[in-house]
Every structure is written in structure tokens, then in C-alpha cells.
Amino acid sequence: MVGMVHALGHATGALCRIHHGTAMNIFHPHGVAYNLERRRQAIGKLLLPLGGRSVYAQTPSAVRAEKTIEVLRRFQARIHVLSGLSTRLRDADVPLDMLETIAKAA
């Protein structure tokens, strides 16, 4: 079975015909944030490869998970600037009235 982000991405792609990579870009930071309290330590460890040694070292361990999400969102924004890849469902032409159907399909 796939995780929440992939399940939402597959459902969105099937129902709204958006590319899987676009869906992953949209859902990934939200999925990590959703899992923050359950997976705080693991998410915090991601800061080292994502943010680099100095960011990791300068960030108190208690807030590394939040900093990781911040770094992911900055990556997402930078990818959008460089490529135009959608960062929101509305920008990918996913109708608001499809959200419940997507959630149920996921």
C-alpha cells in the first residue's frame, strides 16, 4: 500500500487528470505536516539532508521537524518559480467540488 500522499495523488490523477508528479508536489508538504506529531523525530532527521549541516546544527532539536516542513515548502516554491509546476490544486484546475470525491477515492 502507498502512503497518504501517493494515495491522494493517484486519486487526483485518475479523477482530475493531473500528472502524478504535479500531485506529489502539491500534496507532499501537507502530508508531512499532517504526520508531524506522529513522526516528529523522523521528520526532524530529514532536515540534515534537506537543509544541510549548518541549518541542522543551528536548529534546536525540538523544532527540526517544523524546520523540515519549512524547507520543503521553500523547495516547492522554488520549483514553481523555475518550472511553473502547480503548488495548489486550484492551480492544477482541480475543481473544489471534487475534493470529497478525491478523499473518498484515496
PDB file of N, CA and C in Angstrom:
ATOM      1  N   MET A   1       0.840  -1.186   0.000  1.00  0.00           N
ATOM      2  CA  MET A   1       0.000   0.000   0.000  1.00  0.00           C
ATOM      3  C   MET A   1       0.883   1.247   0.000  1.00  0.00           C
ATOM      4  N   VAL A   2       0.374   2.275  -0.611  1.00  0.00           N
ATOM      5  CA  VAL A   2       1.103   3.533  -0.653  1.00  0.00           C
ATOM      6  C   VAL A   2       0.678   4.412   0.517  1.00  0.00           C
ATOM      7  N   GLY A   3       1.455   5.425   0.804  1.00  0.00           N
ATOM      8  CA  GLY A   3       1.117   6.358   1.868  1.00  0.00           C
ATOM      9  C   GLY A   3       0.035   7.326   1.437  1.00  0.00           C
ATOM     10  N   MET A   4      -0.330   8.173   2.366  1.00  0.00           N
ATOM     11  CA  MET A   4      -1.408   9.129   2.153  1.00  0.00           C
ATOM     12  C   MET A   4      -1.151  10.029   0.946  1.00  0.00           C
ATOM     13  N   VAL A   5       0.066  10.543   0.825  1.00  0.00           N
ATOM     14  CA  VAL A   5       0.378  11.470  -0.260  1.00  0.00           C
ATOM     15  C   VAL A   5       0.197  10.778  -1.612  1.00  0.00           C
ATOM     16  N   HIS A   6       0.726   9.563  -1.742  1.00  0.00           N
ATOM     17  CA  HIS A   6       0.581   8.849  -3.009  1.00  0.00           C
ATOM     18  C   HIS A   6      -0.875   8.463  -3.276  1.00  0.00           C
ATOM     19  N   ALA A   7      -1.581   8.063  -2.243  1.00  0.00           N
ATOM     20  CA  ALA A   7      -2.988   7.707  -2.432  1.00  0.00           C
ATOM     21  C   ALA A   7      -3.784   8.913  -2.927  1.00  0.00           C
ATOM     22  N   LEU A   8      -3.560  10.066  -2.335  1.00  0.00           N
ATOM     23  CA  LEU A   8      -4.233  11.282  -2.799  1.00  0.00           C
ATOM     24  C   LEU A   8      -3.799  11.633  -4.219  1.00  0.00           C
ATOM     25  N   GLY A   9      -2.524  11.465  -4.498  1.00  0.00           N
ATOM     26  CA  GLY A   9      -2.018  11.761  -5.839  1.00  0.00           C
ATOM     27  C   GLY A   9      -2.604  10.862  -6.906  1.00  0.00           C
ATOM     28  N   HIS A  10      -2.674   9.556  -6.604  1.00  0.00           N
ATOM     29  CA  HIS A  10      -3.264   8.627  -7.569  1.00  0.00           C
ATOM     30  C   HIS A  10      -4.739   8.942  -7.804  1.00  0.00           C
ATOM     31  N   ALA A  11      -5.455   9.218  -6.727  1.00  0.00           N
ATOM     32  CA  ALA A  11      -6.881   9.533  -6.851  1.00  0.00           C
ATOM     33  C   ALA A  11      -7.081  10.824  -7.646  1.00  0.00           C
ATOM     34  N   THR A  12      -6.285  11.830  -7.346  1.00  0.00           N
ATOM     35  CA  THR A  12      -6.412  13.106  -8.051  1.00  0.00           C
ATOM     36  C   THR A  12      -6.079  12.950  -9.517  1.00  0.00           C
ATOM     37  N   GLY A  13      -5.030  12.198  -9.799  1.00  0.00           N
ATOM     38  CA  GLY A  13      -4.655  11.958 -11.191  1.00  0.00           C
ATOM     39  C   GLY A  13      -5.739  11.226 -11.955  1.00  0.00           C
ATOM     40  N   ALA A  14      -6.305  10.207 -11.344  1.00  0.00           N
ATOM     41  CA  ALA A  14      -7.338   9.420 -12.015  1.00  0.00           C
ATOM     42  C   ALA A  14      -8.619  10.218 -12.222  1.00  0.00           C
ATOM     43  N   LEU A  15      -9.006  10.989 -11.226  1.00  0.00           N
ATOM     44  CA  LEU A  15     -10.287  11.697 -11.284  1.00  0.00           C
ATOM     45  C   LEU A  15     -10.211  13.044 -12.003  1.00  0.00           C
ATOM     46  N   CYS A  16      -9.053  13.692 -11.916  1.00  0.00           N
ATOM     47  CA  CYS A  16      -8.942  15.053 -12.454  1.00  0.00           C
ATOM     48  C   CYS A  16      -7.883  15.180 -13.547  1.00  0.00           C
ATOM     49  N   ARG A  17      -7.269  14.073 -13.867  1.00  0.00           N
ATOM     50  CA  ARG A  17      -6.294  14.016 -14.955  1.00  0.00           C
ATOM     51  C   ARG A  17      -5.130  14.984 -14.784  1.00  0.00           C
ATOM     52  N   ILE A  18      -4.582  15.030 -13.566  1.00  0.00           N
ATOM     53  CA  ILE A  18      -3.357  15.804 -13.405  1.00  0.00           C
ATOM     54  C   ILE A  18      -2.197  14.822 -13.281  1.00  0.00           C
ATOM     55  N   HIS A  19      -1.031  15.248 -13.713  1.00  0.00           N
ATOM     56  CA  HIS A  19       0.162  14.421 -13.710  1.00  0.00           C
ATOM     57  C   HIS A  19       0.516  14.022 -12.277  1.00  0.00           C
ATOM     58  N   HIS A  20       0.996  12.805 -12.113  1.00  0.00           N
ATOM     59  CA  HIS A  20       1.316  12.298 -10.780  1.00  0.00           C
ATOM     60  C   HIS A  20       2.382  13.161 -10.094  1.00  0.00           C
ATOM     61  N   GLY A  21       3.381  13.606 -10.828  1.00  0.00           N
ATOM     62  CA  GLY A  21       4.414  14.462 -10.250  1.00  0.00           C
ATOM     63  C   GLY A  21       3.854  15.773  -9.749  1.00  0.00           C
ATOM     64  N   THR A  22       2.901  16.318 -10.471  1.00  0.00           N
ATOM     65  CA  THR A  22       2.248  17.554 -10.028  1.00  0.00           C
ATOM     66  C   THR A  22       1.497  17.302  -8.729  1.00  0.00           C
ATOM     67  N   ALA A  23       0.779  16.211  -8.675  1.00  0.00           N
ATOM     68  CA  ALA A  23       0.033  15.870  -7.458  1.00  0.00           C
ATOM     69  C   ALA A  23       0.980  15.657  -6.284  1.00  0.00           C
ATOM     70  N   MET A  24       2.106  14.991  -6.523  1.00  0.00           N
ATOM     71  CA  MET A  24       3.073  14.776  -5.439  1.00  0.00           C
ATOM     72  C   MET A  24       3.629  16.111  -4.932  1.00  0.00           C
ATOM     73  N   ASN A  25       3.916  17.016  -5.852  1.00  0.00           N
ATOM     74  CA  ASN A  25       4.414  18.328  -5.463  1.00  0.00           C
ATOM     75  C   ASN A  25       3.390  19.074  -4.609  1.00  0.00           C
ATOM     76  N   ILE A  26       2.131  18.967  -4.963  1.00  0.00           N
ATOM     77  CA  ILE A  26       1.069  19.657  -4.223  1.00  0.00           C
ATOM     78  C   ILE A  26       0.866  19.036  -2.844  1.00  0.00           C
ATOM     79  N   PHE A  27       0.772  17.719  -2.781  1.00  0.00           N
ATOM     80  CA  PHE A  27       0.390  17.047  -1.535  1.00  0.00           C
ATOM     81  C   PHE A  27       1.539  16.805  -0.548  1.00  0.00           C
ATOM     82  N   HIS A  28       2.770  16.692  -1.031  1.00  0.00           N
ATOM     83  CA  HIS A  28       3.865  16.265  -0.157  1.00  0.00           C
ATOM     84  C   HIS A  28       4.051  17.112   1.101  1.00  0.00           C
ATOM     85  N   PRO A  29       4.201  18.429   1.011  1.00  0.00           N
ATOM     86  CA  PRO A  29       4.383  19.201   2.258  1.00  0.00           C
ATOM     87  C   PRO A  29       3.197  19.065   3.216  1.00  0.00           C
ATOM     88  N   HIS A  30       1.997  18.945   2.660  1.00  0.00           N
ATOM     89  CA  HIS A  30       0.804  18.802   3.502  1.00  0.00           C
ATOM     90  C   HIS A  30       0.789  17.449   4.202  1.00  0.00           C
ATOM     91  N   GLY A  31       1.214  16.416   3.491  1.00  0.00           N
ATOM     92  CA  GLY A  31       1.273  15.084   4.084  1.00  0.00           C
ATOM     93  C   GLY A  31       2.283  15.014   5.214  1.00  0.00           C
ATOM     94  N   VAL A  32       3.432  15.630   5.015  1.00  0.00           N
ATOM     95  CA  VAL A  32       4.445  15.657   6.072  1.00  0.00           C
ATOM     96  C   VAL A  32       3.910  16.435   7.273  1.00  0.00           C
ATOM     97  N   ALA A  33       3.289  17.580   7.034  1.00  0.00           N
ATOM     98  CA  ALA A  33       2.726  18.379   8.129  1.00  0.00           C
ATOM     99  C   ALA A  33       1.636  17.605   8.873  1.00  0.00           C
ATOM    100  N   TYR A  34       0.819  16.872   8.125  1.00  0.00           N
ATOM    101  CA  TYR A  34      -0.247  16.079   8.745  1.00  0.00           C
ATOM    102  C   TYR A  34       0.333  15.036   9.703  1.00  0.00           C
ATOM    103  N   ASN A  35       1.463  14.472   9.338  1.00  0.00           N
ATOM    104  CA  ASN A  35       2.086  13.420  10.141  1.00  0.00           C
ATOM    105  C   ASN A  35       3.073  13.942  11.177  1.00  0.00           C
ATOM    106  N   LEU A  36       3.140  15.251  11.327  1.00  0.00           N
ATOM    107  CA  LEU A  36       4.137  15.876  12.184  1.00  0.00           C
ATOM    108  C   LEU A  36       4.178  15.298  13.598  1.00  0.00           C
ATOM    109  N   GLU A  37       3.083  15.267  14.272  1.00  0.00           N
ATOM    110  CA  GLU A  37       3.104  14.832  15.681  1.00  0.00           C
ATOM    111  C   GLU A  37       3.383  13.338  15.836  1.00  0.00           C
ATOM    112  N   ARG A  38       2.937  12.549  14.898  1.00  0.00           N
ATOM    113  CA  ARG A  38       3.181  11.105  14.993  1.00  0.00           C
ATOM    114  C   ARG A  38       4.598  10.719  14.590  1.00  0.00           C
ATOM    115  N   ARG A  39       5.210  11.527  13.714  1.00  0.00           N
ATOM    116  CA  ARG A  39       6.522  11.172  13.163  1.00  0.00           C
ATOM    117  C   ARG A  39       7.540  12.295  13.336  1.00  0.00           C
ATOM    118  N   ARG A  40       7.373  13.072  14.399  1.00  0.00           N
ATOM    119  CA  ARG A  40       8.198  14.259  14.645  1.00  0.00           C
ATOM    120  C   ARG A  40       9.693  13.955  14.546  1.00  0.00           C
ATOM    121  N   GLN A  41      10.155  12.919  15.215  1.00  0.00           N
ATOM    122  CA  GLN A  41      11.589  12.625  15.237  1.00  0.00           C
ATOM    123  C   GLN A  41      12.102  12.268  13.837  1.00  0.00           C
ATOM    124  N   ALA A  42      11.377  11.425  13.123  1.00  0.00           N
ATOM    125  CA  ALA A  42      11.806  11.031  11.779  1.00  0.00           C
ATOM    126  C   ALA A  42      11.804  12.227  10.826  1.00  0.00           C
ATOM    127  N   ILE A  43      10.788  13.058  10.924  1.00  0.00           N
ATOM    128  CA  ILE A  43      10.711  14.257  10.071  1.00  0.00           C
ATOM    129  C   ILE A  43      11.856  15.200  10.412  1.00  0.00           C
ATOM    130  N   GLY A  44      12.155  15.347  11.685  1.00  0.00           N
ATOM    131  CA  GLY A  44      13.262  16.198  12.103  1.00  0.00           C
ATOM    132  C   GLY A  44      14.594  15.725  11.555  1.00  0.00           C
ATOM    133  N   LYS A  45      14.783  14.423  11.448  1.00  0.00           N
ATOM    134  CA  LYS A  45      16.029  13.876  10.896  1.00  0.00           C
ATOM    135  C   LYS A  45      16.195  14.218   9.416  1.00  0.00           C
ATOM    136  N   LEU A  46      15.106  14.444   8.726  1.00  0.00           N
ATOM    137  CA  LEU A  46      15.184  14.810   7.301  1.00  0.00           C
ATOM    138  C   LEU A  46      15.799  16.189   7.082  1.00  0.00           C
ATOM    139  N   LEU A  47      15.838  16.990   8.131  1.00  0.00           N
ATOM    140  CA  LEU A  47      16.394  18.327   7.978  1.00  0.00           C
ATOM    141  C   LEU A  47      17.863  18.287   7.564  1.00  0.00           C
ATOM    142  N   LEU A  48      18.612  17.304   8.034  1.00  0.00           N
ATOM    143  CA  LEU A  48      20.036  17.232   7.690  1.00  0.00           C
ATOM    144  C   LEU A  48      20.242  17.108   6.177  1.00  0.00           C
ATOM    145  N   PRO A  49      19.649  16.119   5.514  1.00  0.00           N
ATOM    146  CA  PRO A  49      19.865  16.049   4.059  1.00  0.00           C
ATOM    147  C   PRO A  49      19.150  17.147   3.276  1.00  0.00           C
ATOM    148  N   LEU A  50      18.033  17.636   3.787  1.00  0.00           N
ATOM    149  CA  LEU A  50      17.276  18.648   3.054  1.00  0.00           C
ATOM    150  C   LEU A  50      17.782  20.068   3.284  1.00  0.00           C
ATOM    151  N   GLY A  51      18.181  20.364   4.496  1.00  0.00           N
ATOM    152  CA  GLY A  51      18.597  21.718   4.830  1.00  0.00           C
ATOM    153  C   GLY A  51      20.097  21.919   4.888  1.00  0.00           C
ATOM    154  N   GLY A  52      20.833  20.821   5.031  1.00  0.00           N
ATOM    155  CA  GLY A  52      22.277  20.908   5.134  1.00  0.00           C
ATOM    156  C   GLY A  52      22.755  20.927   6.573  1.00  0.00           C
ATOM    157  N   ARG A  53      24.046  20.736   6.721  1.00  0.00           N
ATOM    158  CA  ARG A  53      24.641  20.618   8.059  1.00  0.00           C
ATOM    159  C   ARG A  53      24.466  21.853   8.917  1.00  0.00           C
ATOM    160  N   SER A  54      24.679  23.031   8.333  1.00  0.00           N
ATOM    161  CA  SER A  54      24.625  24.236   9.175  1.00  0.00           C
ATOM    162  C   SER A  54      23.198  24.526   9.633  1.00  0.00           C
ATOM    163  N   VAL A  55      22.212  24.366   8.747  1.00  0.00           N
ATOM    164  CA  VAL A  55      20.812  24.579   9.144  1.00  0.00           C
ATOM    165  C   VAL A  55      20.428  23.571  10.218  1.00  0.00           C
ATOM    166  N   TYR A  56      20.820  22.322  10.023  1.00  0.00           N
ATOM    167  CA  TYR A  56      20.515  21.276  11.000  1.00  0.00           C
ATOM    168  C   TYR A  56      21.138  21.623  12.357  1.00  0.00           C
ATOM    169  N   ALA A  57      22.402  21.990  12.358  1.00  0.00           N
ATOM    170  CA  ALA A  57      23.100  22.274  13.605  1.00  0.00           C
ATOM    171  C   ALA A  57      22.546  23.517  14.300  1.00  0.00           C
ATOM    172  N   GLN A  58      22.110  24.498  13.535  1.00  0.00           N
ATOM    173  CA  GLN A  58      21.611  25.747  14.108  1.00  0.00           C
ATOM    174  C   GLN A  58      20.156  25.654  14.569  1.00  0.00           C
ATOM    175  N   THR A  59      19.490  24.573  14.208  1.00  0.00           N
ATOM    176  CA  THR A  59      18.072  24.419  14.552  1.00  0.00           C
ATOM    177  C   THR A  59      17.938  23.554  15.793  1.00  0.00           C
ATOM    178  N   PRO A  60      17.314  24.067  16.842  1.00  0.00           N
ATOM    179  CA  PRO A  60      17.118  23.251  18.048  1.00  0.00           C
ATOM    180  C   PRO A  60      16.351  21.969  17.712  1.00  0.00           C
ATOM    181  N   SER A  61      16.730  20.875  18.345  1.00  0.00           N
ATOM    182  CA  SER A  61      16.120  19.587  18.022  1.00  0.00           C
ATOM    183  C   SER A  61      14.603  19.596  18.180  1.00  0.00           C
ATOM    184  N   ALA A  62      14.084  20.387  19.106  1.00  0.00           N
ATOM    185  CA  ALA A  62      12.637  20.430  19.346  1.00  0.00           C
ATOM    186  C   ALA A  62      11.850  20.998  18.172  1.00  0.00           C
ATOM    187  N   VAL A  63      12.516  21.751  17.285  1.00  0.00           N
ATOM    188  CA  VAL A  63      11.795  22.373  16.162  1.00  0.00           C
ATOM    189  C   VAL A  63      12.339  21.945  14.795  1.00  0.00           C
ATOM    190  N   ARG A  64      13.154  20.903  14.765  1.00  0.00           N
ATOM    191  CA  ARG A  64      13.704  20.452  13.492  1.00  0.00           C
ATOM    192  C   ARG A  64      12.627  19.935  12.549  1.00  0.00           C
ATOM    193  N   ALA A  65      11.609  19.312  13.071  1.00  0.00           N
ATOM    194  CA  ALA A  65      10.536  18.799  12.206  1.00  0.00           C
ATOM    195  C   ALA A  65       9.818  19.965  11.510  1.00  0.00           C
ATOM    196  N   GLU A  66       9.498  21.004  12.253  1.00  0.00           N
ATOM    197  CA  GLU A  66       8.849  22.166  11.657  1.00  0.00           C
ATOM    198  C   GLU A  66       9.766  22.835  10.628  1.00  0.00           C
ATOM    199  N   LYS A  67      11.040  22.899  10.941  1.00  0.00           N
ATOM    200  CA  LYS A  67      12.005  23.489  10.010  1.00  0.00           C
ATOM    201  C   LYS A  67      12.086  22.659   8.736  1.00  0.00           C
ATOM    202  N   THR A  68      11.988  21.343   8.862  1.00  0.00           N
ATOM    203  CA  THR A  68      11.987  20.470   7.689  1.00  0.00           C
ATOM    204  C   THR A  68      10.816  20.806   6.777  1.00  0.00           C
ATOM    205  N   ILE A  69       9.648  20.990   7.345  1.00  0.00           N
ATOM    206  CA  ILE A  69       8.464  21.342   6.555  1.00  0.00           C
ATOM    207  C   ILE A  69       8.664  22.701   5.896  1.00  0.00           C
ATOM    208  N   GLU A  70       9.254  23.632   6.618  1.00  0.00           N
ATOM    209  CA  GLU A  70       9.551  24.947   6.045  1.00  0.00           C
ATOM    210  C   GLU A  70      10.486  24.811   4.841  1.00  0.00           C
ATOM    211  N   VAL A  71      11.510  23.985   4.964  1.00  0.00           N
ATOM    212  CA  VAL A  71      12.449  23.761   3.864  1.00  0.00           C
ATOM    213  C   VAL A  71      11.732  23.115   2.679  1.00  0.00           C
ATOM    214  N   LEU A  72      10.871  22.135   2.947  1.00  0.00           N
ATOM    215  CA  LEU A  72      10.108  21.506   1.868  1.00  0.00           C
ATOM    216  C   LEU A  72       9.242  22.523   1.134  1.00  0.00           C
ATOM    217  N   ARG A  73       8.609  23.411   1.874  1.00  0.00           N
ATOM    218  CA  ARG A  73       7.757  24.432   1.246  1.00  0.00           C
ATOM    219  C   ARG A  73       8.580  25.425   0.429  1.00  0.00           C
ATOM    220  N   ARG A  74       9.787  25.734   0.894  1.00  0.00           N
ATOM    221  CA  ARG A  74      10.671  26.602   0.102  1.00  0.00           C
ATOM    222  C   ARG A  74      11.104  25.901  -1.181  1.00  0.00           C
ATOM    223  N   PHE A  75      11.416  24.605  -1.086  1.00  0.00           N
ATOM    224  CA  PHE A  75      11.743  23.831  -2.289  1.00  0.00           C
ATOM    225  C   PHE A  75      10.578  23.865  -3.269  1.00  0.00           C
ATOM    226  N   GLN A  76       9.389  23.653  -2.757  1.00  0.00           N
ATOM    227  CA  GLN A  76       8.188  23.647  -3.583  1.00  0.00           C
ATOM    228  C   GLN A  76       8.018  24.995  -4.287  1.00  0.00           C
ATOM    229  N   ALA A  77       8.196  26.078  -3.555  1.00  0.00           N
ATOM    230  CA  ALA A  77       8.065  27.418  -4.146  1.00  0.00           C
ATOM    231  C   ALA A  77       9.140  27.655  -5.204  1.00  0.00           C
ATOM    232  N   ARG A  78      10.349  27.196  -4.944  1.00  0.00           N
ATOM    233  CA  ARG A  78      11.438  27.371  -5.908  1.00  0.00           C
ATOM    234  C   ARG A  78      11.181  26.556  -7.173  1.00  0.00           C
ATOM    235  N   ILE A  79      10.695  25.347  -7.018  1.00  0.00           N
ATOM    236  CA  ILE A  79      10.357  24.521  -8.185  1.00  0.00           C
ATOM    237  C   ILE A  79       9.279  25.216  -9.011  1.00  0.00           C
ATOM    238  N   HIS A  80       8.315  25.822  -8.331  1.00  0.00           N
ATOM    239  CA  HIS A  80       7.257  26.546  -9.035  1.00  0.00           C
ATOM    240  C   HIS A  80       7.841  27.701  -9.856  1.00  0.00           C
ATOM    241  N   VAL A  81       8.736  28.462  -9.255  1.00  0.00           N
ATOM    242  CA  VAL A  81       9.358  29.590  -9.955  1.00  0.00           C
ATOM    243  C   VAL A  81      10.150  29.097 -11.166  1.00  0.00           C
ATOM    244  N   LEU A  82      10.887  28.026 -10.986  1.00  0.00           N
ATOM    245  CA  LEU A  82      11.748  27.524 -12.064  1.00  0.00           C
ATOM    246  C   LEU A  82      10.989  26.817 -13.182  1.00  0.00           C
ATOM    247  N   SER A  83       9.903  26.131 -12.818  1.00  0.00           N
ATOM    248  CA  SER A  83       9.234  25.284 -13.814  1.00  0.00           C
ATOM    249  C   SER A  83       7.762  25.602 -14.040  1.00  0.00           C
ATOM    250  N   GLY A  84       7.158  26.341 -13.121  1.00  0.00           N
ATOM    251  CA  GLY A  84       5.725  26.595 -13.229  1.00  0.00           C
ATOM    252  C   GLY A  84       4.874  25.457 -12.685  1.00  0.00           C
ATOM    253  N   LEU A  85       5.493  24.459 -12.078  1.00  0.00           N
ATOM    254  CA  LEU A  85       4.748  23.326 -11.531  1.00  0.00           C
ATOM    255  C   LEU A  85       3.769  23.814 -10.469  1.00  0.00           C
ATOM    256  N   SER A  86       2.537  23.389 -10.575  1.00  0.00           N
ATOM    257  CA  SER A  86       1.494  23.830  -9.646  1.00  0.00           C
ATOM    258  C   SER A  86       1.832  23.460  -8.210  1.00  0.00           C
ATOM    259  N   THR A  87       1.475  24.366  -7.300  1.00  0.00           N
ATOM    260  CA  THR A  87       1.669  24.117  -5.878  1.00  0.00           C
ATOM    261  C   THR A  87       0.342  24.016  -5.126  1.00  0.00           C
ATOM    262  N   ARG A  88      -0.746  24.264  -5.836  1.00  0.00           N
ATOM    263  CA  ARG A  88      -2.084  24.185  -5.240  1.00  0.00           C
ATOM    264  C   ARG A  88      -3.013  23.461  -6.214  1.00  0.00           C
ATOM    265  N   LEU A  89      -3.997  22.784  -5.669  1.00  0.00           N
ATOM    266  CA  LEU A  89      -4.949  22.057  -6.515  1.00  0.00           C
ATOM    267  C   LEU A  89      -5.679  22.994  -7.465  1.00  0.00           C
ATOM    268  N   ARG A  90      -6.053  24.170  -6.980  1.00  0.00           N
ATOM    269  CA  ARG A  90      -6.777  25.093  -7.857  1.00  0.00           C
ATOM    270  C   ARG A  90      -5.932  25.521  -9.049  1.00  0.00           C
ATOM    271  N   ASP A  91      -4.611  25.619  -8.849  1.00  0.00           N
ATOM    272  CA  ASP A  91      -3.722  25.986  -9.948  1.00  0.00           C
ATOM    273  C   ASP A  91      -3.565  24.850 -10.962  1.00  0.00           C
ATOM    274  N   ALA A  92      -3.893  23.635 -10.524  1.00  0.00           N
ATOM    275  CA  ALA A  92      -3.842  22.473 -11.409  1.00  0.00           C
ATOM    276  C   ALA A  92      -5.223  22.180 -11.992  1.00  0.00           C
ATOM    277  N   ASP A  93      -6.136  23.148 -11.856  1.00  0.00           N
ATOM    278  CA  ASP A  93      -7.503  23.037 -12.383  1.00  0.00           C
ATOM    279  C   ASP A  93      -8.310  21.899 -11.769  1.00  0.00           C
ATOM    280  N   VAL A  94      -8.060  21.638 -10.480  1.00  0.00           N
ATOM    281  CA  VAL A  94      -8.865  20.654  -9.760  1.00  0.00           C
ATOM    282  C   VAL A  94     -10.034  21.403  -9.144  1.00  0.00           C
ATOM    283  N   PRO A  95     -11.251  21.071  -9.561  1.00  0.00           N
ATOM    284  CA  PRO A  95     -12.426  21.784  -9.038  1.00  0.00           C
ATOM    285  C   PRO A  95     -12.641  21.521  -7.540  1.00  0.00           C
ATOM    286  N   LEU A  96     -13.027  22.545  -6.837  1.00  0.00           N
ATOM    287  CA  LEU A  96     -13.285  22.446  -5.406  1.00  0.00           C
ATOM    288  C   LEU A  96     -14.296  21.351  -5.087  1.00  0.00           C
ATOM    289  N   ASP A  97     -15.286  21.195  -5.935  1.00  0.00           N
ATOM    290  CA  ASP A  97     -16.324  20.205  -5.660  1.00  0.00           C
ATOM    291  C   ASP A  97     -15.839  18.757  -5.852  1.00  0.00           C
ATOM    292  N   MET A  98     -14.593  18.572  -6.271  1.00  0.00           N
ATOM    293  CA  MET A  98     -14.027  17.232  -6.420  1.00  0.00           C
ATOM    294  C   MET A  98     -13.277  16.759  -5.173  1.00  0.00           C
ATOM    295  N   LEU A  99     -13.053  17.652  -4.226  1.00  0.00           N
ATOM    296  CA  LEU A  99     -12.206  17.302  -3.074  1.00  0.00           C
ATOM    297  C   LEU A  99     -12.750  16.126  -2.266  1.00  0.00           C
ATOM    298  N   GLU A 100     -14.030  16.098  -2.013  1.00  0.00           N
ATOM    299  CA  GLU A 100     -14.612  14.998  -1.253  1.00  0.00           C
ATOM    300  C   GLU A 100     -14.491  13.683  -2.025  1.00  0.00           C
ATOM    301  N   THR A 101     -14.711  13.732  -3.323  1.00  0.00           N
ATOM    302  CA  THR A 101     -14.589  12.536  -4.145  1.00  0.00           C
ATOM    303  C   THR A 101     -13.148  12.031  -4.159  1.00  0.00           C
ATOM    304  N   ILE A 102     -12.198  12.946  -4.261  1.00  0.00           N
ATOM    305  CA  ILE A 102     -10.778  12.571  -4.211  1.00  0.00           C
ATOM    306  C   ILE A 102     -10.436  11.918  -2.882  1.00  0.00           C
ATOM    307  N   ALA A 103     -10.903  12.530  -1.804  1.00  0.00           N
ATOM    308  CA  ALA A 103     -10.615  11.992  -0.469  1.00  0.00           C
ATOM    309  C   ALA A 103     -11.192  10.582  -0.300  1.00  0.00           C
ATOM    310  N   LYS A 104     -12.398  10.383  -0.763  1.00  0.00           N
ATOM    311  CA  LYS A 104     -13.020   9.058  -0.651  1.00  0.00           C
ATOM    312  C   LYS A 104     -12.284   8.037  -1.514  1.00  0.00           C
ATOM    313  N   ALA A 105     -11.851   8.435  -2.687  1.00  0.00           N
ATOM    314  CA  ALA A 105     -11.126   7.527  -3.588  1.00  0.00           C
ATOM    315  C   ALA A 105      -9.752   7.173  -3.017  1.00  0.00           C
ATOM    316  N   ALA A 106      -9.143   8.121  -2.334  1.00  0.00           N
ATOM    317  CA  ALA A 106      -7.817   7.872  -1.743  1.00  0.00           C
ATOM    318  C   ALA A 106      -7.919   6.875  -0.601  1.00  0.00           C
TER     319      ALA A 106
END
